[in-house]
Amino acid sequence: MGKKKRRWLWVLVAVLLVWASAGYIRAQYFGPMTCGTSEEDMTRYVEQSVEEKGVYDLKIAVRKTARKGRMQAILYEEYRDSDPDWQYGYVIFFERQLFGLRLRHVGMNSWKEGELYRSGSWHIGGRCDMAVYGDNRNGRATGYYMADAPGVRREDLESDYILDLYILDGIDHLPDELRQMDAERS
């Protein structure tokens, strides 16, 4: 009789471990800060976050998406039909999770019309993800570079929205100064 009780105890422990693991996986990879990996999934994620704000006439316009290695991002604007002067630009950064099958929201920044920005994250051990993004529809910037990160450079920028992702693993800090090449100086 003692062996049967121990067997049931082990079965119970195994069931509890499976249940706890399933709960962890569900929360980490299918929770509120996650989505699928397609452009449509990212757009749905943004639409849901805008709906949660509770503003009935708020809409979004996706301007650009990008993917590089473990990173994905979506550049978009929020606007209102009722107020043409009201609009705000945002970029949301995602990291691929669960063997590349899901995305986890890892950061967000705003941007203004006519400007380029840089953003990123650096972790101890030299892991660094970086993005250059913004609105260059005015064509003012012909290129950009970062003096402290030679791998972050682009010339011949299009007169459009910009969203470029970089993985700079092995560096000792997050690059901090975006320098742009202006059309007037070229």
N, C-alpha and C. Protein backbone atom coordinates (compact mmCIF):
# COMPACT_ATOMS: atom_id res chain seq x y z
N MET A 1 0.81 -1.19 0.00
CA MET A 1 0.00 0.00 0.00
C MET A 1 0.86 1.26 0.00
N GLY A 2 2.01 1.22 0.58
CA GLY A 2 2.90 2.37 0.64
C GLY A 2 3.38 2.80 -0.74
N LYS A 3 3.60 1.82 -1.63
CA LYS A 3 4.08 2.15 -2.98
C LYS A 3 3.01 2.89 -3.76
N LYS A 4 1.74 2.51 -3.59
CA LYS A 4 0.66 3.18 -4.32
C LYS A 4 0.53 4.64 -3.88
N LYS A 5 0.66 4.89 -2.58
CA LYS A 5 0.56 6.26 -2.08
C LYS A 5 1.70 7.11 -2.63
N ARG A 6 2.90 6.54 -2.67
CA ARG A 6 4.04 7.29 -3.21
C ARG A 6 3.86 7.55 -4.70
N ARG A 7 3.33 6.58 -5.43
CA ARG A 7 3.10 6.75 -6.85
C ARG A 7 2.10 7.89 -7.08
N TRP A 8 1.02 7.93 -6.32
CA TRP A 8 0.02 8.99 -6.44
C TRP A 8 0.62 10.35 -6.07
N LEU A 9 1.51 10.34 -5.12
CA LEU A 9 2.17 11.58 -4.73
C LEU A 9 3.02 12.11 -5.89
N TRP A 10 3.77 11.20 -6.55
CA TRP A 10 4.58 11.61 -7.70
C TRP A 10 3.70 12.05 -8.86
N VAL A 11 2.59 11.40 -9.08
CA VAL A 11 1.66 11.82 -10.14
C VAL A 11 1.13 13.21 -9.83
N LEU A 12 0.75 13.44 -8.58
CA LEU A 12 0.25 14.75 -8.17
C LEU A 12 1.31 15.83 -8.36
N VAL A 13 2.56 15.55 -7.97
CA VAL A 13 3.66 16.50 -8.15
C VAL A 13 3.86 16.80 -9.64
N ALA A 14 3.82 15.76 -10.47
CA ALA A 14 4.00 15.96 -11.92
C ALA A 14 2.88 16.81 -12.50
N VAL A 15 1.64 16.56 -12.09
CA VAL A 15 0.50 17.34 -12.57
C VAL A 15 0.66 18.80 -12.16
N LEU A 16 1.05 19.04 -10.91
CA LEU A 16 1.25 20.41 -10.44
C LEU A 16 2.37 21.12 -11.20
N LEU A 17 3.45 20.42 -11.51
CA LEU A 17 4.54 21.01 -12.29
C LEU A 17 4.09 21.36 -13.71
N VAL A 18 3.34 20.46 -14.33
CA VAL A 18 2.82 20.75 -15.67
C VAL A 18 1.87 21.94 -15.63
N TRP A 19 1.01 21.99 -14.63
CA TRP A 19 0.06 23.10 -14.50
C TRP A 19 0.80 24.42 -14.29
N ALA A 20 1.81 24.44 -13.42
CA ALA A 20 2.59 25.66 -13.16
C ALA A 20 3.36 26.08 -14.41
N SER A 21 3.94 25.13 -15.12
CA SER A 21 4.68 25.44 -16.35
C SER A 21 3.76 26.01 -17.41
N ALA A 22 2.59 25.42 -17.56
CA ALA A 22 1.61 25.93 -18.54
C ALA A 22 1.19 27.35 -18.19
N GLY A 23 0.98 27.62 -16.91
CA GLY A 23 0.62 28.98 -16.49
C GLY A 23 1.72 29.98 -16.78
N TYR A 24 2.96 29.59 -16.53
CA TYR A 24 4.10 30.46 -16.82
C TYR A 24 4.20 30.74 -18.32
N ILE A 25 4.13 29.69 -19.13
CA ILE A 25 4.23 29.86 -20.58
C ILE A 25 3.10 30.74 -21.10
N ARG A 26 1.90 30.52 -20.61
CA ARG A 26 0.76 31.32 -21.05
C ARG A 26 0.96 32.79 -20.70
N ALA A 27 1.41 33.08 -19.50
CA ALA A 27 1.61 34.48 -19.08
C ALA A 27 2.76 35.13 -19.84
N GLN A 28 3.85 34.40 -20.03
CA GLN A 28 5.04 34.98 -20.68
C GLN A 28 4.87 35.17 -22.18
N TYR A 29 4.25 34.22 -22.84
CA TYR A 29 4.25 34.24 -24.30
C TYR A 29 2.88 34.50 -24.91
N PHE A 30 1.84 34.48 -24.11
CA PHE A 30 0.50 34.73 -24.64
C PHE A 30 -0.25 35.74 -23.78
N GLY A 31 0.50 36.51 -22.98
CA GLY A 31 -0.10 37.49 -22.08
C GLY A 31 -0.43 38.79 -22.78
N PRO A 32 -0.80 39.81 -22.01
CA PRO A 32 -1.26 41.07 -22.58
C PRO A 32 -0.17 41.88 -23.30
N MET A 33 1.10 41.63 -23.05
CA MET A 33 2.18 42.39 -23.70
C MET A 33 2.83 41.59 -24.82
N THR A 34 2.08 40.67 -25.43
CA THR A 34 2.63 39.83 -26.50
C THR A 34 1.70 39.82 -27.70
N CYS A 35 2.26 39.39 -28.82
CA CYS A 35 1.45 39.21 -30.04
C CYS A 35 2.20 38.26 -30.98
N GLY A 36 1.56 37.93 -32.07
CA GLY A 36 2.19 37.10 -33.10
C GLY A 36 3.27 37.89 -33.82
N THR A 37 3.93 37.28 -34.78
CA THR A 37 5.09 37.90 -35.41
C THR A 37 4.81 38.62 -36.72
N SER A 38 3.61 38.54 -37.24
CA SER A 38 3.34 39.17 -38.53
C SER A 38 3.04 40.66 -38.37
N GLU A 39 3.10 41.38 -39.46
CA GLU A 39 2.77 42.81 -39.46
C GLU A 39 1.32 43.01 -39.02
N GLU A 40 0.43 42.12 -39.44
CA GLU A 40 -0.97 42.22 -39.04
C GLU A 40 -1.14 42.02 -37.54
N ASP A 41 -0.36 41.11 -36.96
CA ASP A 41 -0.42 40.88 -35.50
C ASP A 41 0.05 42.12 -34.74
N MET A 42 1.13 42.75 -35.21
CA MET A 42 1.61 43.96 -34.55
C MET A 42 0.58 45.09 -34.68
N THR A 43 -0.04 45.20 -35.84
CA THR A 43 -1.06 46.23 -36.05
C THR A 43 -2.25 45.99 -35.13
N ARG A 44 -2.68 44.74 -34.99
CA ARG A 44 -3.78 44.41 -34.07
C ARG A 44 -3.40 44.75 -32.63
N TYR A 45 -2.16 44.49 -32.27
CA TYR A 45 -1.66 44.82 -30.92
C TYR A 45 -1.79 46.32 -30.67
N VAL A 46 -1.36 47.13 -31.63
CA VAL A 46 -1.44 48.59 -31.50
C VAL A 46 -2.90 49.03 -31.43
N GLU A 47 -3.75 48.48 -32.29
CA GLU A 47 -5.17 48.84 -32.28
C GLU A 47 -5.81 48.53 -30.93
N GLN A 48 -5.48 47.38 -30.35
CA GLN A 48 -6.02 47.02 -29.04
C GLN A 48 -5.53 47.97 -27.95
N SER A 49 -4.26 48.37 -28.02
CA SER A 49 -3.75 49.29 -27.00
C SER A 49 -4.40 50.67 -27.14
N VAL A 50 -4.73 51.08 -28.35
CA VAL A 50 -5.42 52.35 -28.57
C VAL A 50 -6.86 52.26 -28.06
N GLU A 51 -7.52 51.12 -28.31
CA GLU A 51 -8.89 50.92 -27.81
C GLU A 51 -8.94 50.99 -26.29
N GLU A 52 -7.89 50.50 -25.63
CA GLU A 52 -7.85 50.50 -24.17
C GLU A 52 -7.78 51.91 -23.60
N LYS A 53 -7.38 52.89 -24.41
CA LYS A 53 -7.35 54.28 -23.95
C LYS A 53 -8.76 54.82 -23.76
N GLY A 54 -9.74 54.21 -24.42
CA GLY A 54 -11.13 54.61 -24.23
C GLY A 54 -11.55 55.85 -24.99
N VAL A 55 -10.78 56.29 -25.96
CA VAL A 55 -11.14 57.45 -26.78
C VAL A 55 -11.79 56.92 -28.05
N TYR A 56 -13.07 57.23 -28.23
CA TYR A 56 -13.85 56.58 -29.29
C TYR A 56 -13.41 56.92 -30.71
N ASP A 57 -12.89 58.13 -30.97
CA ASP A 57 -12.56 58.49 -32.35
C ASP A 57 -11.06 58.44 -32.65
N LEU A 58 -10.29 57.79 -31.81
CA LEU A 58 -8.85 57.67 -32.00
C LEU A 58 -8.56 56.54 -32.98
N LYS A 59 -7.77 56.85 -33.99
CA LYS A 59 -7.42 55.86 -35.02
C LYS A 59 -5.91 55.80 -35.16
N ILE A 60 -5.44 54.76 -35.84
CA ILE A 60 -4.00 54.63 -36.08
C ILE A 60 -3.72 54.51 -37.56
N ALA A 61 -2.51 54.92 -37.92
CA ALA A 61 -2.00 54.73 -39.28
C ALA A 61 -0.60 54.15 -39.14
N VAL A 62 -0.42 52.92 -39.58
CA VAL A 62 0.90 52.28 -39.53
C VAL A 62 1.74 52.89 -40.64
N ARG A 63 2.90 53.39 -40.26
CA ARG A 63 3.79 54.05 -41.22
C ARG A 63 4.90 53.13 -41.71
N LYS A 64 5.39 52.26 -40.82
CA LYS A 64 6.47 51.36 -41.22
C LYS A 64 6.64 50.26 -40.19
N THR A 65 7.08 49.11 -40.63
CA THR A 65 7.47 48.02 -39.74
C THR A 65 8.86 47.56 -40.15
N ALA A 66 9.57 46.96 -39.20
CA ALA A 66 10.91 46.46 -39.50
C ALA A 66 11.19 45.23 -38.65
N ARG A 67 12.13 44.43 -39.16
CA ARG A 67 12.53 43.21 -38.45
C ARG A 67 14.01 42.98 -38.69
N LYS A 68 14.73 42.67 -37.61
CA LYS A 68 16.14 42.32 -37.73
C LYS A 68 16.48 41.38 -36.59
N GLY A 69 16.85 40.18 -36.91
CA GLY A 69 17.22 39.20 -35.90
C GLY A 69 16.12 39.02 -34.87
N ARG A 70 16.44 39.26 -33.61
CA ARG A 70 15.50 39.06 -32.52
C ARG A 70 14.55 40.25 -32.32
N MET A 71 14.74 41.32 -33.10
CA MET A 71 13.96 42.55 -32.92
C MET A 71 12.91 42.73 -34.02
N GLN A 72 11.80 43.34 -33.63
CA GLN A 72 10.80 43.82 -34.58
C GLN A 72 10.27 45.12 -34.02
N ALA A 73 9.77 46.00 -34.91
CA ALA A 73 9.25 47.28 -34.47
C ALA A 73 8.15 47.73 -35.42
N ILE A 74 7.28 48.59 -34.90
CA ILE A 74 6.21 49.18 -35.69
C ILE A 74 6.18 50.68 -35.40
N LEU A 75 6.20 51.48 -36.46
CA LEU A 75 6.14 52.93 -36.38
C LEU A 75 4.74 53.33 -36.81
N TYR A 76 4.04 54.09 -35.97
CA TYR A 76 2.66 54.45 -36.30
C TYR A 76 2.29 55.81 -35.75
N GLU A 77 1.16 56.33 -36.23
CA GLU A 77 0.63 57.60 -35.74
C GLU A 77 -0.79 57.38 -35.24
N GLU A 78 -1.13 58.10 -34.18
CA GLU A 78 -2.50 58.14 -33.70
C GLU A 78 -3.08 59.47 -34.16
N TYR A 79 -4.34 59.44 -34.62
CA TYR A 79 -4.97 60.67 -35.10
C TYR A 79 -6.47 60.61 -34.84
N ARG A 80 -7.11 61.75 -35.04
CA ARG A 80 -8.57 61.86 -34.91
C ARG A 80 -9.12 62.53 -36.16
N ASP A 81 -10.16 61.95 -36.73
CA ASP A 81 -10.82 62.58 -37.87
C ASP A 81 -11.44 63.91 -37.46
N SER A 82 -11.92 64.01 -36.21
CA SER A 82 -12.60 65.21 -35.73
C SER A 82 -11.64 66.39 -35.50
N ASP A 83 -10.34 66.13 -35.39
CA ASP A 83 -9.36 67.18 -35.12
C ASP A 83 -8.11 66.92 -35.96
N PRO A 84 -8.03 67.49 -37.18
CA PRO A 84 -6.90 67.20 -38.07
C PRO A 84 -5.53 67.62 -37.52
N ASP A 85 -5.51 68.55 -36.56
CA ASP A 85 -4.23 69.00 -36.00
C ASP A 85 -3.72 68.07 -34.90
N TRP A 86 -4.57 67.16 -34.44
CA TRP A 86 -4.21 66.26 -33.34
C TRP A 86 -3.63 64.98 -33.92
N GLN A 87 -2.34 64.78 -33.73
CA GLN A 87 -1.73 63.51 -34.10
C GLN A 87 -0.42 63.35 -33.36
N TYR A 88 -0.15 62.11 -32.99
CA TYR A 88 1.07 61.78 -32.26
C TYR A 88 1.68 60.54 -32.88
N GLY A 89 3.01 60.52 -32.95
CA GLY A 89 3.72 59.38 -33.50
C GLY A 89 4.38 58.55 -32.42
N TYR A 90 4.35 57.23 -32.61
CA TYR A 90 4.95 56.31 -31.64
C TYR A 90 5.67 55.18 -32.38
N VAL A 91 6.62 54.59 -31.69
CA VAL A 91 7.27 53.39 -32.15
C VAL A 91 7.24 52.39 -30.99
N ILE A 92 6.87 51.16 -31.30
CA ILE A 92 6.87 50.09 -30.30
C ILE A 92 7.89 49.06 -30.72
N PHE A 93 8.72 48.66 -29.75
CA PHE A 93 9.76 47.66 -29.99
C PHE A 93 9.33 46.32 -29.40
N PHE A 94 9.61 45.26 -30.15
CA PHE A 94 9.29 43.91 -29.73
C PHE A 94 10.55 43.06 -29.80
N GLU A 95 10.58 42.01 -28.97
CA GLU A 95 11.64 41.01 -29.03
C GLU A 95 11.00 39.66 -29.28
N ARG A 96 11.61 38.90 -30.17
CA ARG A 96 11.08 37.58 -30.50
C ARG A 96 11.27 36.64 -29.32
N GLN A 97 10.23 35.86 -29.02
CA GLN A 97 10.21 34.92 -27.90
C GLN A 97 9.69 33.57 -28.39
N LEU A 98 9.73 32.58 -27.52
CA LEU A 98 9.16 31.25 -27.78
C LEU A 98 9.60 30.71 -29.14
N PHE A 99 10.91 30.59 -29.32
CA PHE A 99 11.51 30.05 -30.56
C PHE A 99 11.14 30.89 -31.78
N GLY A 100 10.92 32.18 -31.58
CA GLY A 100 10.59 33.07 -32.69
C GLY A 100 9.14 33.08 -33.10
N LEU A 101 8.28 32.43 -32.32
CA LEU A 101 6.86 32.33 -32.69
C LEU A 101 6.01 33.46 -32.12
N ARG A 102 6.50 34.17 -31.11
CA ARG A 102 5.73 35.24 -30.46
C ARG A 102 6.62 36.47 -30.28
N LEU A 103 6.00 37.62 -30.12
CA LEU A 103 6.70 38.87 -29.85
C LEU A 103 6.29 39.38 -28.48
N ARG A 104 7.26 39.93 -27.73
CA ARG A 104 6.99 40.55 -26.44
C ARG A 104 7.34 42.04 -26.56
N HIS A 105 6.39 42.89 -26.15
CA HIS A 105 6.57 44.34 -26.14
C HIS A 105 7.66 44.68 -25.13
N VAL A 106 8.77 45.30 -25.59
CA VAL A 106 9.88 45.60 -24.70
C VAL A 106 10.18 47.10 -24.59
N GLY A 107 9.50 47.93 -25.37
CA GLY A 107 9.76 49.36 -25.27
C GLY A 107 8.88 50.16 -26.21
N MET A 108 8.80 51.46 -25.91
CA MET A 108 7.97 52.35 -26.71
C MET A 108 8.50 53.77 -26.57
N ASN A 109 8.49 54.53 -27.66
CA ASN A 109 8.89 55.93 -27.64
C ASN A 109 7.99 56.72 -28.57
N SER A 110 8.00 58.03 -28.39
CA SER A 110 7.23 58.90 -29.28
C SER A 110 8.18 59.59 -30.26
N TRP A 111 7.61 60.18 -31.28
CA TRP A 111 8.39 60.93 -32.25
C TRP A 111 7.53 62.07 -32.82
N LYS A 112 8.21 63.09 -33.35
CA LYS A 112 7.52 64.24 -33.94
C LYS A 112 7.78 64.29 -35.43
N GLU A 113 6.89 64.93 -36.11
CA GLU A 113 7.01 65.11 -37.55
C GLU A 113 8.30 65.85 -37.88
N GLY A 114 9.02 65.36 -38.87
CA GLY A 114 10.22 66.03 -39.35
C GLY A 114 11.49 65.77 -38.57
N GLU A 115 11.50 64.81 -37.64
CA GLU A 115 12.67 64.55 -36.81
C GLU A 115 13.08 63.09 -36.87
N LEU A 116 14.38 62.82 -36.65
CA LEU A 116 14.90 61.46 -36.49
C LEU A 116 15.36 61.28 -35.05
N TYR A 117 15.19 60.07 -34.54
CA TYR A 117 15.52 59.74 -33.16
C TYR A 117 16.28 58.43 -33.11
N ARG A 118 16.91 58.19 -31.96
CA ARG A 118 17.54 56.90 -31.71
C ARG A 118 17.01 56.38 -30.37
N SER A 119 16.94 55.07 -30.26
CA SER A 119 16.50 54.44 -29.03
C SER A 119 17.10 53.05 -29.00
N GLY A 120 17.16 52.49 -27.81
CA GLY A 120 17.67 51.14 -27.72
C GLY A 120 17.80 50.68 -26.29
N SER A 121 18.34 49.49 -26.16
CA SER A 121 18.58 48.93 -24.84
C SER A 121 19.92 48.21 -24.85
N TRP A 122 20.63 48.37 -23.74
CA TRP A 122 21.91 47.71 -23.56
C TRP A 122 21.85 46.94 -22.25
N HIS A 123 22.38 45.74 -22.25
CA HIS A 123 22.36 44.89 -21.06
C HIS A 123 23.79 44.50 -20.69
N ILE A 124 24.02 44.28 -19.41
CA ILE A 124 25.33 43.83 -18.96
C ILE A 124 25.71 42.58 -19.74
N GLY A 125 26.91 42.56 -20.21
CA GLY A 125 27.37 41.47 -21.04
C GLY A 125 27.49 41.91 -22.50
N GLY A 126 27.06 43.13 -22.80
CA GLY A 126 27.25 43.68 -24.13
C GLY A 126 26.12 43.45 -25.11
N ARG A 127 24.99 42.95 -24.66
CA ARG A 127 23.85 42.75 -25.57
C ARG A 127 23.18 44.09 -25.83
N CYS A 128 23.08 44.49 -27.09
CA CYS A 128 22.55 45.81 -27.42
C CYS A 128 21.64 45.74 -28.65
N ASP A 129 20.44 46.29 -28.49
CA ASP A 129 19.50 46.44 -29.60
C ASP A 129 19.27 47.93 -29.78
N MET A 130 19.23 48.39 -31.02
CA MET A 130 19.13 49.81 -31.27
C MET A 130 18.27 50.08 -32.48
N ALA A 131 17.64 51.27 -32.50
CA ALA A 131 16.80 51.67 -33.63
C ALA A 131 17.02 53.15 -33.92
N VAL A 132 16.93 53.49 -35.19
CA VAL A 132 16.86 54.87 -35.64
C VAL A 132 15.53 54.98 -36.35
N TYR A 133 14.74 55.98 -35.98
CA TYR A 133 13.37 56.07 -36.50
C TYR A 133 12.91 57.52 -36.55
N GLY A 134 11.84 57.73 -37.27
CA GLY A 134 11.22 59.06 -37.30
C GLY A 134 10.64 59.38 -38.65
N ASP A 135 10.47 60.68 -38.87
CA ASP A 135 9.80 61.20 -40.05
C ASP A 135 10.79 62.03 -40.86
N ASN A 136 11.14 61.57 -42.03
CA ASN A 136 12.04 62.31 -42.92
C ASN A 136 11.33 62.66 -44.22
N ARG A 137 10.01 62.83 -44.15
CA ARG A 137 9.27 63.16 -45.38
C ARG A 137 9.70 64.49 -45.96
N ASN A 138 10.24 65.39 -45.14
CA ASN A 138 10.72 66.67 -45.65
C ASN A 138 12.05 66.53 -46.39
N GLY A 139 12.70 65.36 -46.30
CA GLY A 139 13.96 65.12 -47.00
C GLY A 139 15.14 65.87 -46.43
N ARG A 140 14.99 66.45 -45.26
CA ARG A 140 16.05 67.26 -44.66
C ARG A 140 17.30 66.43 -44.36
N ALA A 141 17.13 65.21 -43.87
CA ALA A 141 18.28 64.36 -43.56
C ALA A 141 18.62 63.47 -44.76
N THR A 142 19.87 63.53 -45.17
CA THR A 142 20.31 62.67 -46.27
C THR A 142 20.94 61.39 -45.74
N GLY A 143 21.26 61.39 -44.44
CA GLY A 143 21.86 60.23 -43.82
C GLY A 143 22.03 60.46 -42.33
N TYR A 144 22.54 59.44 -41.64
CA TYR A 144 22.82 59.56 -40.22
C TYR A 144 23.94 58.61 -39.86
N TYR A 145 24.55 58.86 -38.70
CA TYR A 145 25.58 57.98 -38.16
C TYR A 145 25.69 58.22 -36.67
N MET A 146 26.36 57.29 -35.99
CA MET A 146 26.65 57.44 -34.57
C MET A 146 28.16 57.29 -34.41
N ALA A 147 28.79 58.33 -33.88
CA ALA A 147 30.25 58.34 -33.74
C ALA A 147 30.74 57.21 -32.85
N ASP A 148 29.96 56.84 -31.83
CA ASP A 148 30.40 55.80 -30.91
C ASP A 148 29.87 54.42 -31.26
N ALA A 149 29.33 54.27 -32.46
CA ALA A 149 28.87 52.96 -32.95
C ALA A 149 28.98 52.95 -34.48
N PRO A 150 30.16 52.61 -35.00
CA PRO A 150 30.37 52.66 -36.45
C PRO A 150 29.40 51.81 -37.26
N GLY A 151 28.79 50.81 -36.63
CA GLY A 151 27.83 49.96 -37.35
C GLY A 151 26.48 50.61 -37.57
N VAL A 152 26.25 51.75 -36.92
CA VAL A 152 24.98 52.47 -37.07
C VAL A 152 25.22 53.63 -38.01
N ARG A 153 24.90 53.41 -39.27
CA ARG A 153 25.16 54.42 -40.30
C ARG A 153 24.28 54.11 -41.50
N ARG A 154 23.75 55.17 -42.09
CA ARG A 154 22.98 55.00 -43.33
C ARG A 154 23.05 56.29 -44.12
N GLU A 155 23.26 56.16 -45.41
CA GLU A 155 23.30 57.31 -46.30
C GLU A 155 22.20 57.15 -47.34
N ASP A 156 21.98 58.19 -48.10
CA ASP A 156 20.95 58.20 -49.14
C ASP A 156 19.57 57.86 -48.58
N LEU A 157 19.20 58.53 -47.49
CA LEU A 157 17.89 58.31 -46.88
C LEU A 157 16.78 58.74 -47.83
N GLU A 158 15.73 57.98 -47.84
CA GLU A 158 14.56 58.33 -48.62
C GLU A 158 13.76 59.42 -47.89
N SER A 159 12.99 60.17 -48.63
CA SER A 159 12.10 61.19 -48.05
C SER A 159 10.82 60.48 -47.65
N ASP A 160 10.87 59.82 -46.51
CA ASP A 160 9.75 58.98 -46.06
C ASP A 160 9.93 58.75 -44.55
N TYR A 161 9.14 57.87 -44.00
CA TYR A 161 9.31 57.46 -42.61
C TYR A 161 10.51 56.53 -42.54
N ILE A 162 11.27 56.62 -41.45
CA ILE A 162 12.49 55.84 -41.28
C ILE A 162 12.32 54.93 -40.07
N LEU A 163 12.68 53.67 -40.24
CA LEU A 163 12.69 52.71 -39.14
C LEU A 163 13.77 51.67 -39.44
N ASP A 164 14.95 51.88 -38.87
CA ASP A 164 16.09 50.99 -39.09
C ASP A 164 16.48 50.36 -37.76
N LEU A 165 16.66 49.05 -37.75
CA LEU A 165 17.03 48.31 -36.54
C LEU A 165 18.46 47.81 -36.65
N TYR A 166 19.16 47.81 -35.50
CA TYR A 166 20.54 47.37 -35.42
C TYR A 166 20.73 46.49 -34.20
N ILE A 167 21.52 45.44 -34.37
CA ILE A 167 21.94 44.60 -33.24
C ILE A 167 23.44 44.80 -33.11
N LEU A 168 23.86 45.34 -31.97
CA LEU A 168 25.25 45.72 -31.75
C LEU A 168 25.84 44.94 -30.58
N ASP A 169 25.66 43.66 -30.55
CA ASP A 169 26.15 42.86 -29.43
C ASP A 169 27.66 42.98 -29.30
N GLY A 170 28.13 42.99 -28.06
CA GLY A 170 29.56 43.03 -27.79
C GLY A 170 30.09 44.43 -27.53
N ILE A 171 29.24 45.44 -27.45
CA ILE A 171 29.72 46.79 -27.13
C ILE A 171 29.53 47.07 -25.65
N ASP A 172 30.23 48.08 -25.13
CA ASP A 172 30.22 48.32 -23.69
C ASP A 172 29.24 49.39 -23.22
N HIS A 173 28.42 49.94 -24.12
CA HIS A 173 27.42 50.93 -23.71
C HIS A 173 26.42 51.13 -24.85
N LEU A 174 25.31 51.76 -24.53
CA LEU A 174 24.33 52.12 -25.54
C LEU A 174 24.82 53.37 -26.25
N PRO A 175 24.98 53.34 -27.56
CA PRO A 175 25.40 54.55 -28.29
C PRO A 175 24.45 55.70 -27.96
N ASP A 176 25.04 56.91 -27.79
CA ASP A 176 24.21 57.96 -27.23
C ASP A 176 23.99 59.21 -28.08
N GLU A 177 24.65 59.36 -29.20
CA GLU A 177 24.43 60.59 -29.95
C GLU A 177 24.22 60.31 -31.43
N LEU A 178 23.00 60.53 -31.86
CA LEU A 178 22.67 60.38 -33.28
C LEU A 178 23.02 61.68 -34.00
N ARG A 179 23.80 61.55 -35.03
CA ARG A 179 24.17 62.72 -35.84
C ARG A 179 23.60 62.51 -37.23
N GLN A 180 22.93 63.53 -37.72
CA GLN A 180 22.37 63.38 -39.06
C GLN A 180 23.08 64.30 -40.04
N MET A 181 23.13 63.82 -41.27
CA MET A 181 23.71 64.60 -42.36
C MET A 181 22.55 65.32 -43.03
N ASP A 182 22.58 66.65 -42.96
CA ASP A 182 21.49 67.43 -43.51
C ASP A 182 21.72 67.75 -44.98
N ALA A 183 20.64 67.87 -45.72
CA ALA A 183 20.72 68.18 -47.15
C ALA A 183 21.40 69.52 -47.39
N GLU A 184 21.21 70.50 -46.48
CA GLU A 184 21.80 71.82 -46.66
C GLU A 184 23.32 71.77 -46.59
N ARG A 185 23.87 70.86 -45.76
CA ARG A 185 25.32 70.78 -45.57
C ARG A 185 25.99 69.87 -46.60
N SER A 186 25.23 69.04 -47.26
CA SER A 186 25.84 68.06 -48.17
C SER A 186 26.37 68.70 -49.41
